[in-house]
Amino acid sequence: DGYAEKDWPSGEAILGSCQDMCPESERLERERKGDLDKYERVDGDRNQTNKNLAVKKYTRTAEKEPFLIRPLPVLQTTMEHLLNLIDRDTVPYIGHA
């Protein structure tokens, strides 16, 4: 039932299994580096986020690990989250623990 990304070189479909807007491994790395957008921060802290705030950053890597790929329902939730941020663009940060 999930959306499968076609892995063209091998001909195999990859079924995304990441249920968060941003994979945990990326969240932890971005917290460590302080690489969080102001809308992803908990209480404005550039080194703290959570799964309800962080959104996967675009990278042109060939990620083929299912746990790093978000299925369609998660992408839809992510889009809704981002559109809600547009409506709240005057808020300096929205994260609260």
C-alpha atoms as a PDB file:
ATOM      1  CA  ASP A   1       0.000   0.000   0.000  1.00  0.00           C
ATOM      2  CA  GLY A   2       2.935   2.384   0.533  1.00  0.00           C
ATOM      3  CA  TYR A   3       4.590   4.480  -2.130  1.00  0.00           C
ATOM      4  CA  ALA A   4       7.682   2.821  -3.528  1.00  0.00           C
ATOM      5  CA  GLU A   5      10.513   4.803  -5.093  1.00  0.00           C
ATOM      6  CA  LYS A   6      11.973   3.073  -8.139  1.00  0.00           C
ATOM      7  CA  ASP A   7      15.633   2.270  -7.751  1.00  0.00           C
ATOM      8  CA  TRP A   8      16.421   2.413 -11.465  1.00  0.00           C
ATOM      9  CA  PRO A   9      19.933   0.889 -11.523  1.00  0.00           C
ATOM     10  CA  SER A  10      18.875  -2.300  -9.759  1.00  0.00           C
ATOM     11  CA  GLY A  11      15.237  -2.286 -10.864  1.00  0.00           C
ATOM     12  CA  GLU A  12      14.052  -2.787  -7.282  1.00  0.00           C
ATOM     13  CA  ALA A  13      11.384  -0.721  -5.570  1.00  0.00           C
ATOM     14  CA  ILE A  14      12.205   0.835  -2.195  1.00  0.00           C
ATOM     15  CA  LEU A  15       9.341   1.202   0.241  1.00  0.00           C
ATOM     16  CA  GLY A  16       9.952   4.155   2.545  1.00  0.00           C
ATOM     17  CA  SER A  17       9.506   3.401   6.232  1.00  0.00           C
ATOM     18  CA  CYS A  18      10.506   6.653   7.974  1.00  0.00           C
ATOM     19  CA  GLN A  19       7.457   7.767   9.970  1.00  0.00           C
ATOM     20  CA  ASP A  20       8.902  11.161  10.984  1.00  0.00           C
ATOM     21  CA  MET A  21       9.213  14.381   9.001  1.00  0.00           C
ATOM     22  CA  CYS A  22      12.966  14.033   9.509  1.00  0.00           C
ATOM     23  CA  PRO A  23      14.809  10.762  10.184  1.00  0.00           C
ATOM     24  CA  GLU A  24      16.100  10.488  13.749  1.00  0.00           C
ATOM     25  CA  SER A  25      19.709  10.088  12.588  1.00  0.00           C
ATOM     26  CA  GLU A  26      19.512  13.393  10.682  1.00  0.00           C
ATOM     27  CA  ARG A  27      17.808  15.164  13.608  1.00  0.00           C
ATOM     28  CA  LEU A  28      20.567  14.079  15.982  1.00  0.00           C
ATOM     29  CA  GLU A  29      23.309  15.128  13.561  1.00  0.00           C
ATOM     30  CA  ARG A  30      21.720  18.525  12.929  1.00  0.00           C
ATOM     31  CA  GLU A  31      21.257  19.085  16.679  1.00  0.00           C
ATOM     32  CA  ARG A  32      24.918  18.248  17.229  1.00  0.00           C
ATOM     33  CA  LYS A  33      25.981  20.726  14.524  1.00  0.00           C
ATOM     34  CA  GLY A  34      23.444  23.417  15.469  1.00  0.00           C
ATOM     35  CA  ASP A  35      22.067  23.123  11.943  1.00  0.00           C
ATOM     36  CA  LEU A  36      18.394  23.783  12.718  1.00  0.00           C
ATOM     37  CA  ASP A  37      16.126  26.334  11.098  1.00  0.00           C
ATOM     38  CA  LYS A  38      14.483  28.737  13.545  1.00  0.00           C
ATOM     39  CA  TYR A  39      11.162  26.943  13.024  1.00  0.00           C
ATOM     40  CA  GLU A  40      12.711  23.595  13.967  1.00  0.00           C
ATOM     41  CA  ARG A  41      14.129  24.725  17.309  1.00  0.00           C
ATOM     42  CA  VAL A  42      12.715  23.954  20.737  1.00  0.00           C
ATOM     43  CA  ASP A  43      12.469  27.239  22.659  1.00  0.00           C
ATOM     44  CA  GLY A  44      14.851  28.896  20.181  1.00  0.00           C
ATOM     45  CA  ASP A  45      17.755  26.557  21.034  1.00  0.00           C
ATOM     46  CA  ARG A  46      19.756  25.950  17.849  1.00  0.00           C
ATOM     47  CA  ASN A  47      20.894  22.573  19.225  1.00  0.00           C
ATOM     48  CA  GLN A  48      17.517  21.160  20.213  1.00  0.00           C
ATOM     49  CA  THR A  49      14.584  19.939  18.124  1.00  0.00           C
ATOM     50  CA  ASN A  50      12.036  17.138  18.172  1.00  0.00           C
ATOM     51  CA  LYS A  51      10.224  14.936  15.683  1.00  0.00           C
ATOM     52  CA  ASN A  52       7.267  17.336  15.552  1.00  0.00           C
ATOM     53  CA  LEU A  53       9.416  20.266  14.396  1.00  0.00           C
ATOM     54  CA  ALA A  54      12.338  18.995  12.322  1.00  0.00           C
ATOM     55  CA  VAL A  55      11.876  18.567   8.561  1.00  0.00           C
ATOM     56  CA  LYS A  56      14.310  16.586   6.437  1.00  0.00           C
ATOM     57  CA  LYS A  57      16.703  18.827   4.537  1.00  0.00           C
ATOM     58  CA  TYR A  58      17.001  18.334   0.810  1.00  0.00           C
ATOM     59  CA  THR A  59      20.186  16.569  -0.200  1.00  0.00           C
ATOM     60  CA  ARG A  60      21.102  15.133  -3.568  1.00  0.00           C
ATOM     61  CA  THR A  61      22.359  11.883  -2.111  1.00  0.00           C
ATOM     62  CA  ALA A  62      21.274   8.520  -3.396  1.00  0.00           C
ATOM     63  CA  GLU A  63      19.658   7.407  -0.147  1.00  0.00           C
ATOM     64  CA  LYS A  64      18.379   3.914  -0.685  1.00  0.00           C
ATOM     65  CA  GLU A  65      17.794   2.987   2.928  1.00  0.00           C
ATOM     66  CA  PRO A  66      14.051   2.573   3.610  1.00  0.00           C
ATOM     67  CA  PHE A  67      14.371   4.060   7.113  1.00  0.00           C
ATOM     68  CA  LEU A  68      15.565   7.359   5.553  1.00  0.00           C
ATOM     69  CA  ILE A  69      12.748   7.580   2.981  1.00  0.00           C
ATOM     70  CA  ARG A  70       9.347   8.938   3.964  1.00  0.00           C
ATOM     71  CA  PRO A  71       6.230   7.256   2.559  1.00  0.00           C
ATOM     72  CA  LEU A  72       3.486   9.364   0.963  1.00  0.00           C
ATOM     73  CA  PRO A  73       1.330   9.814   4.116  1.00  0.00           C
ATOM     74  CA  VAL A  74       4.355  11.207   5.992  1.00  0.00           C
ATOM     75  CA  LEU A  75       5.158  13.532   3.078  1.00  0.00           C
ATOM     76  CA  GLN A  76       1.565  14.783   3.175  1.00  0.00           C
ATOM     77  CA  THR A  77       1.838  15.439   6.921  1.00  0.00           C
ATOM     78  CA  THR A  78       5.122  17.260   6.325  1.00  0.00           C
ATOM     79  CA  MET A  79       3.517  19.488   3.679  1.00  0.00           C
ATOM     80  CA  GLU A  80       0.654  20.333   6.037  1.00  0.00           C
ATOM     81  CA  HIS A  81       3.195  21.253   8.724  1.00  0.00           C
ATOM     82  CA  LEU A  82       5.117  23.518   6.334  1.00  0.00           C
ATOM     83  CA  LEU A  83       1.948  25.213   5.096  1.00  0.00           C
ATOM     84  CA  ASN A  84       0.938  25.886   8.710  1.00  0.00           C
ATOM     85  CA  LEU A  85       4.323  27.551   9.260  1.00  0.00           C
ATOM     86  CA  ILE A  86       3.612  29.902   6.367  1.00  0.00           C
ATOM     87  CA  ASP A  87       0.408  30.955   8.119  1.00  0.00           C
ATOM     88  CA  ARG A  88       2.391  31.614  11.319  1.00  0.00           C
ATOM     89  CA  ASP A  89       5.366  33.402   9.718  1.00  0.00           C
ATOM     90  CA  THR A  90       5.387  36.192  12.301  1.00  0.00           C
ATOM     91  CA  VAL A  91       6.283  33.778  15.117  1.00  0.00           C
ATOM     92  CA  PRO A  92      10.073  33.815  15.767  1.00  0.00           C
ATOM     93  CA  TYR A  93      10.004  30.150  16.742  1.00  0.00           C
ATOM     94  CA  ILE A  94       7.188  27.761  17.536  1.00  0.00           C
ATOM     95  CA  GLY A  95       8.909  24.913  19.329  1.00  0.00           C
ATOM     96  CA  HIS A  96       7.988  24.149  22.879  1.00  0.00           C
ATOM     97  CA  ALA A  97       8.929  20.976  24.700  1.00  0.00           C
END
